[in-house]
């Protein structure tokens, strides 16, 4: 397991809460229907970030737990939950193992891991979660990672400008990042859970130059601190290039979200 250090997402939380696209309502509806959620039981959001997805399920569980290793993310999550008047959520700073050390809680109906599973020791996490998930429940690995997807021209240009200012290596904390070669599907299939796959209908995401830059700053590899004093130059360069594609600075993307379920059947 790669040690990315304690600063993997340092300085990204305020951009994460503002510029990460919200998950579509169709995702929430699917999970509610698949697990017959009725307002009872508990949910765990592992790698919860700033808590946008956690709070979406507040009406469907008696209590919710959001766990993240980044304290800045959890500060934003606490602010969001107060703003949305979500009172049945607890935020925990740490990882799954540290949570288990202080909480004897082994009865979650549903666990969400949204765009975070690739940072974890995936085999170990699923082994641990199997003891914590109730029968009939499961874990949803949610992401839109698609390495073979053809990028739109404006997205290719964004990547070119990012590489110019950030370098060719994808930095991650105190090291660099490469995506796991073994798929999430294979990890689940080789676990004690049963594997189910589902893809949501594609939906359109609108981007502005501000949100493109803000989203970049929300990522581990695009954190603003990597730019140092070059922030204004980078932003000016990227905006100039993007306006060449569209004078109004608005761009569209079709997003295909996949859900990989690890189900604990009876």
Protein backbone atom coordinates (compact mmCIF):
# COMPACT_ATOMS: atom_id res chain seq x y z
CA UNK A 1 0.00 0.00 0.00
CA UNK A 2 1.51 3.31 -1.10
CA UNK A 3 2.09 5.89 1.63
CA UNK A 4 0.90 9.19 0.18
CA UNK A 5 1.59 11.08 3.41
CA UNK A 6 -0.69 13.34 5.42
CA UNK A 7 -0.98 16.14 2.86
CA UNK A 8 -2.62 14.26 -0.02
CA UNK A 9 -5.60 16.65 -0.19
CA UNK A 10 -4.16 19.56 1.79
CA UNK A 11 -5.70 22.84 0.69
CA UNK A 12 -8.35 21.27 -1.55
CA UNK A 13 -11.42 21.13 0.71
CA UNK A 14 -12.94 24.53 -0.06
CA UNK A 15 -12.64 23.82 -3.78
CA UNK A 16 -13.96 20.29 -3.29
CA UNK A 17 -17.17 21.46 -1.62
CA UNK A 18 -17.78 24.20 -4.16
CA UNK A 19 -16.69 22.73 -7.49
CA UNK A 20 -17.05 18.95 -7.36
CA UNK A 21 -20.16 18.10 -9.42
CA UNK A 22 -23.08 16.81 -7.38
CA UNK A 23 -24.08 13.22 -7.90
CA UNK A 24 -27.32 12.87 -9.88
CA UNK A 25 -30.63 12.12 -8.20
CA UNK A 26 -30.78 8.89 -10.22
CA UNK A 27 -27.87 7.54 -8.15
CA UNK A 28 -29.67 8.18 -4.88
CA UNK A 29 -32.91 6.69 -6.23
CA UNK A 30 -31.12 3.57 -7.43
CA UNK A 31 -29.50 2.91 -4.06
CA UNK A 32 -32.77 3.55 -2.19
CA UNK A 33 -34.57 1.04 -4.40
CA UNK A 34 -31.77 -1.54 -4.49
CA UNK A 35 -31.45 -1.76 -0.70
CA UNK A 36 -35.11 -0.99 0.11
CA UNK A 37 -34.14 1.92 2.32
CA UNK A 38 -36.91 3.03 4.66
CA UNK A 39 -35.36 5.45 7.15
CA UNK A 40 -34.06 2.75 9.46
CA UNK A 41 -30.54 1.53 10.20
CA UNK A 42 -27.17 3.11 9.62
CA UNK A 43 -25.08 4.24 6.66
CA UNK A 44 -21.30 4.60 6.44
CA UNK A 45 -19.65 6.92 3.92
CA UNK A 46 -15.99 5.89 3.76
CA UNK A 47 -13.76 8.57 2.28
CA UNK A 48 -16.66 10.99 2.60
CA UNK A 49 -14.75 14.12 1.61
CA UNK A 50 -16.87 17.19 2.33
CA UNK A 51 -20.00 15.13 2.86
CA UNK A 52 -22.20 16.08 -0.11
CA UNK A 53 -23.21 12.47 -0.79
CA UNK A 54 -23.55 11.58 2.90
CA UNK A 55 -26.07 14.33 3.52
CA UNK A 56 -28.18 13.26 0.54
CA UNK A 57 -29.13 10.11 2.46
CA UNK A 58 -30.03 11.78 5.77
CA UNK A 59 -33.76 11.05 5.36
CA UNK A 60 -33.16 7.39 4.56
CA UNK A 61 -31.28 6.27 7.69
CA UNK A 62 -31.58 6.74 11.42
CA UNK A 63 -27.90 7.69 11.59
CA UNK A 64 -24.98 8.27 9.23
CA UNK A 65 -21.21 8.09 9.74
CA UNK A 66 -18.77 9.94 7.48
CA UNK A 67 -15.11 8.94 7.70
CA UNK A 68 -12.21 10.77 6.09
CA UNK A 69 -8.49 11.05 6.74
CA UNK A 70 -8.37 14.74 5.82
CA UNK A 71 -9.38 17.09 8.65
CA UNK A 72 -9.99 20.02 6.28
CA UNK A 73 -12.55 17.92 4.40
CA UNK A 74 -14.39 17.11 7.59
CA UNK A 75 -14.48 20.75 8.65
CA UNK A 76 -16.26 21.51 5.38
CA UNK A 77 -18.54 18.50 5.94
CA UNK A 78 -19.52 19.79 9.39
CA UNK A 79 -20.29 23.20 7.90
CA UNK A 80 -22.41 21.64 5.13
CA UNK A 81 -24.39 19.42 7.50
CA UNK A 82 -25.17 22.38 9.78
CA UNK A 83 -26.17 24.48 6.78
CA UNK A 84 -28.48 21.71 5.53
CA UNK A 85 -29.76 21.01 9.07
CA UNK A 86 -28.66 17.38 8.95
CA UNK A 87 -28.59 16.34 12.59
CA UNK A 88 -28.22 12.56 12.37
CA UNK A 89 -24.65 12.46 11.03
CA UNK A 90 -21.34 11.92 12.85
CA UNK A 91 -18.02 12.84 11.25
CA UNK A 92 -14.91 10.82 12.12
CA UNK A 93 -11.33 11.85 11.35
CA UNK A 94 -9.27 8.79 10.47
CA UNK A 95 -9.49 5.58 8.48
CA UNK A 96 -11.64 2.48 8.84
CA UNK A 97 -9.23 0.74 11.22
CA UNK A 98 -8.97 3.73 13.57
CA UNK A 99 -12.78 4.03 13.56
CA UNK A 100 -13.16 0.38 14.57
CA UNK A 101 -10.72 0.85 17.45
CA UNK A 102 -13.03 3.34 19.16
CA UNK A 103 -16.45 2.23 17.88
CA UNK A 104 -17.93 -1.23 18.25
CA UNK A 105 -20.28 -0.72 15.33
CA UNK A 106 -20.94 -3.69 13.06
CA UNK A 107 -24.40 -3.08 11.66
CA UNK A 108 -24.39 -0.86 8.58
CA UNK A 109 -27.12 -1.40 6.01
CA UNK A 110 -25.20 0.49 3.37
CA UNK A 111 -21.65 1.72 2.81
CA UNK A 112 -20.70 4.27 0.14
CA UNK A 113 -17.17 4.67 -1.22
CA UNK A 114 -17.37 7.40 -3.85
CA UNK A 115 -14.27 8.13 -5.94
CA UNK A 116 -12.06 7.05 -3.04
CA UNK A 117 -11.59 3.27 -3.28
CA UNK A 118 -8.40 3.60 -5.35
CA UNK A 119 -6.67 5.33 -2.42
CA UNK A 120 -7.35 2.40 -0.07
CA UNK A 121 -5.96 -1.04 0.65
CA UNK A 122 -8.93 -2.47 -1.21
CA UNK A 123 -8.66 -6.13 -0.16
CA UNK A 124 -8.29 -5.21 3.49
CA UNK A 125 -11.09 -2.65 3.44
CA UNK A 126 -13.58 -5.14 1.96
CA UNK A 127 -12.54 -7.83 4.46
CA UNK A 128 -13.12 -5.39 7.31
CA UNK A 129 -16.41 -4.11 5.92
CA UNK A 130 -17.84 -7.62 5.50
CA UNK A 131 -18.00 -7.90 9.29
CA UNK A 132 -19.62 -4.47 9.57
CA UNK A 133 -22.36 -4.78 6.92
CA UNK A 134 -25.66 -6.42 7.79
CA UNK A 135 -27.06 -9.25 5.66
CA UNK A 136 -28.98 -7.87 2.71
CA UNK A 137 -26.81 -4.74 2.73
CA UNK A 138 -23.75 -3.84 0.75
CA UNK A 139 -21.00 -1.51 -0.33
CA UNK A 140 -21.32 0.77 -3.36
CA UNK A 141 -18.08 1.67 -5.13
CA UNK A 142 -19.05 4.76 -7.15
CA UNK A 143 -16.87 6.35 -9.82
CA UNK A 144 -16.69 7.51 -13.41
CA UNK A 145 -13.13 6.39 -14.08
CA UNK A 146 -12.90 5.52 -17.77
CA UNK A 147 -9.31 5.41 -19.06
CA UNK A 148 -10.39 4.57 -22.62
CA UNK A 149 -12.91 7.40 -22.93
CA UNK A 150 -12.18 9.74 -25.82
CA UNK A 151 -11.55 13.22 -24.47
CA UNK A 152 -13.28 16.22 -26.00
CA UNK A 153 -11.02 18.79 -27.68
CA UNK A 154 -11.39 21.26 -24.81
CA UNK A 155 -10.51 18.54 -22.29
CA UNK A 156 -7.36 17.66 -24.23
CA UNK A 157 -6.36 21.32 -24.13
CA UNK A 158 -6.94 21.44 -20.36
CA UNK A 159 -4.64 18.44 -19.95
CA UNK A 160 -1.98 20.09 -22.11
CA UNK A 161 -2.01 23.28 -20.05
CA UNK A 162 -2.04 21.34 -16.78
CA UNK A 163 0.99 19.30 -17.85
CA UNK A 164 2.79 22.49 -18.87
CA UNK A 165 2.40 24.00 -15.39
CA UNK A 166 2.26 20.91 -13.15
CA UNK A 167 4.63 18.59 -15.01
CA UNK A 168 4.08 15.23 -16.66
CA UNK A 169 3.96 13.17 -13.46
CA UNK A 170 0.74 13.02 -11.49
CA UNK A 171 1.82 14.09 -8.03
CA UNK A 172 -0.04 12.74 -5.02
CA UNK A 173 0.96 13.89 -1.56
CA UNK A 174 4.61 13.03 -1.01
CA UNK A 175 4.85 10.74 -4.04
CA UNK A 176 3.27 10.16 -7.47
CA UNK A 177 0.09 8.32 -8.43
CA UNK A 178 -0.67 5.52 -10.84
CA UNK A 179 -4.13 3.96 -11.06
CA UNK A 180 -4.41 0.35 -9.82
CA UNK A 181 -3.92 -2.25 -12.55
CA UNK A 182 -6.44 -4.63 -10.94
CA UNK A 183 -9.99 -3.37 -11.41
CA UNK A 184 -12.41 -2.68 -8.58
CA UNK A 185 -14.68 -5.36 -10.10
CA UNK A 186 -11.98 -8.01 -9.75
CA UNK A 187 -11.24 -6.97 -6.17
CA UNK A 188 -14.92 -7.35 -5.25
CA UNK A 189 -15.28 -10.63 -7.15
CA UNK A 190 -12.38 -12.08 -5.16
CA UNK A 191 -13.80 -10.90 -1.82
CA UNK A 192 -16.42 -12.49 0.43
CA UNK A 193 -19.04 -10.16 -1.05
CA UNK A 194 -21.07 -10.87 -4.18
CA UNK A 195 -20.48 -8.57 -7.15
CA UNK A 196 -23.21 -6.60 -8.92
CA UNK A 197 -22.62 -3.97 -11.63
CA UNK A 198 -24.85 -1.11 -12.67
CA UNK A 199 -24.36 1.92 -14.92
CA UNK A 200 -26.52 5.01 -14.59
CA UNK A 201 -27.87 6.65 -17.73
CA UNK A 202 -25.41 9.22 -19.04
CA UNK A 203 -26.11 12.77 -17.96
CA UNK A 204 -24.83 16.16 -19.05
CA UNK A 205 -22.47 18.22 -16.92
CA UNK A 206 -21.98 21.92 -17.67
CA UNK A 207 -18.59 23.46 -16.94
CA UNK A 208 -17.43 27.05 -16.81
CA UNK A 209 -13.81 28.17 -16.84
CA UNK A 210 -14.14 28.95 -13.14
CA UNK A 211 -15.50 25.50 -12.31
CA UNK A 212 -12.89 23.75 -14.49
CA UNK A 213 -10.11 25.51 -12.57
CA UNK A 214 -11.87 25.04 -9.22
CA UNK A 215 -12.37 21.33 -9.89
CA UNK A 216 -8.68 20.97 -10.71
CA UNK A 217 -7.79 22.63 -7.40
CA UNK A 218 -10.01 20.08 -5.62
CA UNK A 219 -7.87 17.16 -6.77
CA UNK A 220 -4.78 15.65 -5.20
CA UNK A 221 -2.69 16.18 -8.33
CA UNK A 222 -4.02 19.69 -9.06
CA UNK A 223 -3.84 21.17 -5.59
CA UNK A 224 -3.13 24.88 -5.84
CA UNK A 225 -0.03 24.72 -3.66
CA UNK A 226 1.84 22.83 -6.40
CA UNK A 227 1.74 25.99 -8.53
CA UNK A 228 3.43 28.22 -5.99
CA UNK A 229 3.61 31.78 -7.30
CA UNK A 230 2.44 30.72 -10.76
CA UNK A 231 -1.29 30.59 -9.95
CA UNK A 232 -2.22 33.81 -11.84
CA UNK A 233 -0.13 32.83 -14.86
CA UNK A 234 -1.63 29.34 -14.99
CA UNK A 235 -5.22 30.59 -14.70
CA UNK A 236 -4.68 33.25 -17.38
CA UNK A 237 -3.09 30.69 -19.72
CA UNK A 238 -5.88 28.14 -19.29
CA UNK A 239 -8.66 30.72 -19.69
CA UNK A 240 -7.04 32.06 -22.87
CA UNK A 241 -6.86 28.60 -24.40
CA UNK A 242 -10.41 27.64 -23.45
CA UNK A 243 -11.93 30.83 -24.85
CA UNK A 244 -10.54 29.74 -28.22
CA UNK A 245 -13.04 26.85 -28.13
CA UNK A 246 -16.04 28.78 -26.89
CA UNK A 247 -16.44 32.54 -26.49
CA UNK A 248 -18.99 32.23 -23.69
CA UNK A 249 -16.70 29.98 -21.65
CA UNK A 250 -19.29 27.22 -21.12
CA UNK A 251 -18.49 23.60 -21.93
CA UNK A 252 -20.50 20.36 -21.89
CA UNK A 253 -19.52 16.84 -20.92
CA UNK A 254 -21.47 13.58 -20.93
CA UNK A 255 -20.78 11.66 -17.72
CA UNK A 256 -21.32 7.93 -17.32
CA UNK A 257 -21.35 6.92 -13.66
CA UNK A 258 -20.82 3.30 -12.72
CA UNK A 259 -21.79 1.56 -9.49
CA UNK A 260 -19.95 -1.57 -8.41
CA UNK A 261 -21.85 -3.24 -5.61
CA UNK A 262 -20.32 -5.57 -3.05
CA UNK A 263 -23.45 -7.25 -1.66
CA UNK A 264 -23.69 -9.33 1.50
CA UNK A 265 -26.41 -11.78 0.61
CA UNK A 266 -28.28 -13.93 3.08
